[in-house]
């Protein structure tokens, strides 16, 4: 999952070297924290959060195949 979020984010931003994805595993779920450069934040979130929602949808679809619950958080 971590690699999937990283590849998607790097394709969207102007500064792919600043993309960081941290994976925190809990009992029932996995939290993926996505950090990008401040100037790329709008590109990852998109208008009205559409890009962020699409990233979360793709990750959830991949997580269902592995019977996991994954949450994607975009941090500043």
N, C-alpha and C. Protein backbone atom coordinates (compact mmCIF):
# COMPACT_ATOMS: atom_id res chain seq x y z
N UNK A 1 0.82 -1.19 0.00
CA UNK A 1 0.00 0.00 0.00
C UNK A 1 0.86 1.26 0.00
N UNK A 2 1.91 1.22 0.81
CA UNK A 2 2.77 2.38 0.93
C UNK A 2 3.36 2.77 -0.42
N UNK A 3 3.81 1.78 -1.16
CA UNK A 3 4.41 2.04 -2.47
C UNK A 3 3.39 2.60 -3.45
N UNK A 4 2.16 2.12 -3.37
CA UNK A 4 1.10 2.60 -4.25
C UNK A 4 0.85 4.09 -4.04
N UNK A 5 0.72 4.51 -2.79
CA UNK A 5 0.50 5.92 -2.48
C UNK A 5 1.69 6.75 -2.92
N UNK A 6 2.88 6.23 -2.71
CA UNK A 6 4.10 6.95 -3.08
C UNK A 6 4.19 7.17 -4.59
N UNK A 7 3.89 6.16 -5.36
CA UNK A 7 3.95 6.26 -6.83
C UNK A 7 2.91 7.26 -7.34
N UNK A 8 1.70 7.19 -6.81
CA UNK A 8 0.65 8.11 -7.23
C UNK A 8 1.03 9.55 -6.89
N UNK A 9 1.49 9.78 -5.68
CA UNK A 9 1.85 11.14 -5.25
C UNK A 9 3.01 11.70 -6.06
N UNK A 10 4.03 10.88 -6.32
CA UNK A 10 5.17 11.35 -7.09
C UNK A 10 4.79 11.72 -8.52
N UNK A 11 3.79 11.05 -9.06
CA UNK A 11 3.33 11.37 -10.42
C UNK A 11 2.57 12.69 -10.46
N UNK A 12 2.02 13.11 -9.35
CA UNK A 12 1.19 14.32 -9.32
C UNK A 12 1.98 15.60 -9.04
N UNK A 13 3.05 15.51 -8.28
CA UNK A 13 3.72 16.71 -7.77
C UNK A 13 4.87 17.17 -8.67
N UNK A 14 5.30 18.43 -8.44
CA UNK A 14 6.45 18.97 -9.17
C UNK A 14 7.76 18.59 -8.51
N UNK A 15 7.72 18.31 -7.20
CA UNK A 15 8.94 17.98 -6.45
C UNK A 15 8.81 16.56 -5.87
N UNK A 16 9.03 15.53 -6.70
CA UNK A 16 8.82 14.15 -6.22
C UNK A 16 9.80 13.72 -5.12
N UNK A 17 10.93 14.40 -4.99
CA UNK A 17 11.89 14.03 -3.95
C UNK A 17 11.37 14.35 -2.55
N UNK A 18 10.42 15.27 -2.45
CA UNK A 18 9.88 15.68 -1.15
C UNK A 18 8.74 14.79 -0.66
N UNK A 19 8.33 13.84 -1.47
CA UNK A 19 7.21 12.96 -1.10
C UNK A 19 7.69 11.94 -0.06
N UNK A 20 6.94 11.87 1.05
CA UNK A 20 7.24 10.89 2.10
C UNK A 20 5.94 10.19 2.49
N UNK A 21 6.00 8.89 2.64
CA UNK A 21 4.85 8.12 3.09
C UNK A 21 5.27 7.29 4.30
N UNK A 22 4.59 7.53 5.42
CA UNK A 22 4.85 6.75 6.64
C UNK A 22 3.69 5.79 6.86
N UNK A 23 4.02 4.57 7.26
CA UNK A 23 3.00 3.54 7.47
C UNK A 23 2.92 3.21 8.96
N UNK A 24 1.74 3.39 9.54
CA UNK A 24 1.51 3.07 10.94
C UNK A 24 0.50 1.94 11.01
N UNK A 25 0.89 0.83 11.60
CA UNK A 25 0.00 -0.32 11.68
C UNK A 25 -0.64 -0.42 13.04
N UNK A 26 -1.97 -0.54 13.05
CA UNK A 26 -2.71 -0.75 14.28
C UNK A 26 -3.23 -2.17 14.33
N UNK A 27 -4.14 -2.44 15.26
CA UNK A 27 -4.71 -3.77 15.37
C UNK A 27 -5.58 -4.13 14.18
N UNK A 28 -6.45 -3.19 13.81
CA UNK A 28 -7.41 -3.47 12.74
C UNK A 28 -7.15 -2.71 11.45
N UNK A 29 -6.33 -1.68 11.51
CA UNK A 29 -6.17 -0.86 10.32
C UNK A 29 -4.73 -0.41 10.13
N UNK A 30 -4.49 0.11 8.94
CA UNK A 30 -3.19 0.67 8.58
C UNK A 30 -3.42 2.14 8.23
N UNK A 31 -2.59 3.02 8.79
CA UNK A 31 -2.69 4.44 8.49
C UNK A 31 -1.47 4.82 7.65
N UNK A 32 -1.73 5.42 6.50
CA UNK A 32 -0.65 5.90 5.64
C UNK A 32 -0.64 7.42 5.70
N UNK A 33 0.46 7.99 6.16
CA UNK A 33 0.60 9.43 6.25
C UNK A 33 1.41 9.93 5.06
N UNK A 34 0.80 10.79 4.26
CA UNK A 34 1.44 11.32 3.06
C UNK A 34 1.88 12.75 3.32
N UNK A 35 3.16 13.02 3.10
CA UNK A 35 3.69 14.37 3.23
C UNK A 35 4.29 14.78 1.89
N UNK A 36 3.96 15.99 1.45
CA UNK A 36 4.53 16.54 0.21
C UNK A 36 5.02 17.95 0.51
N UNK A 37 5.73 18.53 -0.43
CA UNK A 37 6.21 19.91 -0.28
C UNK A 37 4.99 20.84 -0.19
N UNK A 38 5.10 21.92 0.57
CA UNK A 38 3.95 22.84 0.74
C UNK A 38 3.39 23.37 -0.58
N UNK A 39 4.25 23.62 -1.56
CA UNK A 39 3.76 24.14 -2.84
C UNK A 39 3.04 23.08 -3.67
N UNK A 40 3.20 21.81 -3.32
CA UNK A 40 2.53 20.72 -4.04
C UNK A 40 1.25 20.25 -3.34
N UNK A 41 0.93 20.82 -2.21
CA UNK A 41 -0.23 20.38 -1.44
C UNK A 41 -1.52 20.47 -2.26
N UNK A 42 -1.69 21.54 -3.00
CA UNK A 42 -2.90 21.71 -3.81
C UNK A 42 -3.03 20.68 -4.91
N UNK A 43 -1.92 20.23 -5.43
CA UNK A 43 -1.95 19.23 -6.50
C UNK A 43 -2.37 17.86 -5.97
N UNK A 44 -2.02 17.57 -4.72
CA UNK A 44 -2.38 16.28 -4.13
C UNK A 44 -3.83 16.29 -3.64
N UNK A 45 -4.29 17.44 -3.16
CA UNK A 45 -5.67 17.53 -2.67
C UNK A 45 -6.65 17.74 -3.81
N UNK A 46 -6.33 18.64 -4.74
CA UNK A 46 -7.20 18.90 -5.88
C UNK A 46 -8.37 19.80 -5.52
N UNK A 47 -9.10 20.22 -6.53
CA UNK A 47 -10.27 21.07 -6.31
C UNK A 47 -11.34 20.31 -5.55
N UNK A 48 -11.78 20.89 -4.45
CA UNK A 48 -12.80 20.30 -3.58
C UNK A 48 -12.40 18.90 -3.10
N UNK A 49 -11.10 18.62 -3.04
CA UNK A 49 -10.62 17.35 -2.51
C UNK A 49 -10.79 16.16 -3.43
N UNK A 50 -10.99 16.43 -4.71
CA UNK A 50 -11.26 15.32 -5.64
C UNK A 50 -10.07 14.38 -5.82
N UNK A 51 -8.88 14.93 -5.93
CA UNK A 51 -7.69 14.08 -6.12
C UNK A 51 -7.44 13.24 -4.87
N UNK A 52 -7.56 13.88 -3.69
CA UNK A 52 -7.37 13.15 -2.43
C UNK A 52 -8.38 12.02 -2.31
N UNK A 53 -9.61 12.30 -2.67
CA UNK A 53 -10.67 11.28 -2.61
C UNK A 53 -10.36 10.13 -3.57
N UNK A 54 -9.86 10.46 -4.75
CA UNK A 54 -9.51 9.43 -5.73
C UNK A 54 -8.36 8.56 -5.23
N UNK A 55 -7.36 9.17 -4.59
CA UNK A 55 -6.24 8.40 -4.04
C UNK A 55 -6.76 7.45 -2.97
N UNK A 56 -7.63 7.94 -2.10
CA UNK A 56 -8.18 7.09 -1.04
C UNK A 56 -9.01 5.95 -1.62
N UNK A 57 -9.75 6.21 -2.69
CA UNK A 57 -10.57 5.18 -3.31
C UNK A 57 -9.71 4.07 -3.90
N UNK A 58 -8.64 4.44 -4.58
CA UNK A 58 -7.74 3.45 -5.18
C UNK A 58 -7.08 2.60 -4.10
N UNK A 59 -6.64 3.25 -3.02
CA UNK A 59 -5.97 2.52 -1.94
C UNK A 59 -6.96 1.59 -1.24
N UNK A 60 -8.19 2.04 -1.03
CA UNK A 60 -9.19 1.17 -0.40
C UNK A 60 -9.48 -0.05 -1.27
N UNK A 61 -9.55 0.16 -2.59
CA UNK A 61 -9.80 -0.96 -3.49
C UNK A 61 -8.66 -1.98 -3.42
N UNK A 62 -7.43 -1.50 -3.34
CA UNK A 62 -6.29 -2.41 -3.23
C UNK A 62 -6.27 -3.10 -1.86
N UNK A 63 -6.72 -2.39 -0.83
CA UNK A 63 -6.72 -2.96 0.53
C UNK A 63 -7.76 -4.06 0.68
N UNK A 64 -8.87 -3.93 -0.02
CA UNK A 64 -9.93 -4.95 0.05
C UNK A 64 -9.40 -6.30 -0.42
N UNK A 65 -8.54 -6.27 -1.41
CA UNK A 65 -7.97 -7.51 -1.92
C UNK A 65 -7.12 -8.22 -0.87
N UNK A 66 -6.57 -7.44 0.08
CA UNK A 66 -5.73 -8.01 1.13
C UNK A 66 -6.46 -8.09 2.47
N UNK A 67 -7.76 -7.85 2.47
CA UNK A 67 -8.59 -7.87 3.68
C UNK A 67 -8.05 -6.96 4.78
N UNK A 68 -7.70 -5.74 4.40
CA UNK A 68 -7.20 -4.75 5.35
C UNK A 68 -8.06 -3.49 5.28
N UNK A 69 -8.00 -2.69 6.32
CA UNK A 69 -8.64 -1.39 6.34
C UNK A 69 -7.53 -0.34 6.34
N UNK A 70 -7.47 0.45 5.29
CA UNK A 70 -6.39 1.42 5.14
C UNK A 70 -6.97 2.83 5.13
N UNK A 71 -6.32 3.73 5.87
CA UNK A 71 -6.71 5.14 5.92
C UNK A 71 -5.54 5.96 5.40
N UNK A 72 -5.81 6.86 4.46
CA UNK A 72 -4.77 7.74 3.92
C UNK A 72 -4.97 9.13 4.50
N UNK A 73 -3.95 9.64 5.18
CA UNK A 73 -4.00 10.99 5.73
C UNK A 73 -2.96 11.84 5.01
N UNK A 74 -3.36 13.04 4.62
CA UNK A 74 -2.45 13.97 3.96
C UNK A 74 -2.04 15.01 4.99
N UNK A 75 -0.75 15.05 5.30
CA UNK A 75 -0.24 15.94 6.34
C UNK A 75 0.51 17.10 5.73
N UNK A 76 0.54 18.22 6.48
CA UNK A 76 1.30 19.38 6.02
C UNK A 76 2.70 19.33 6.54
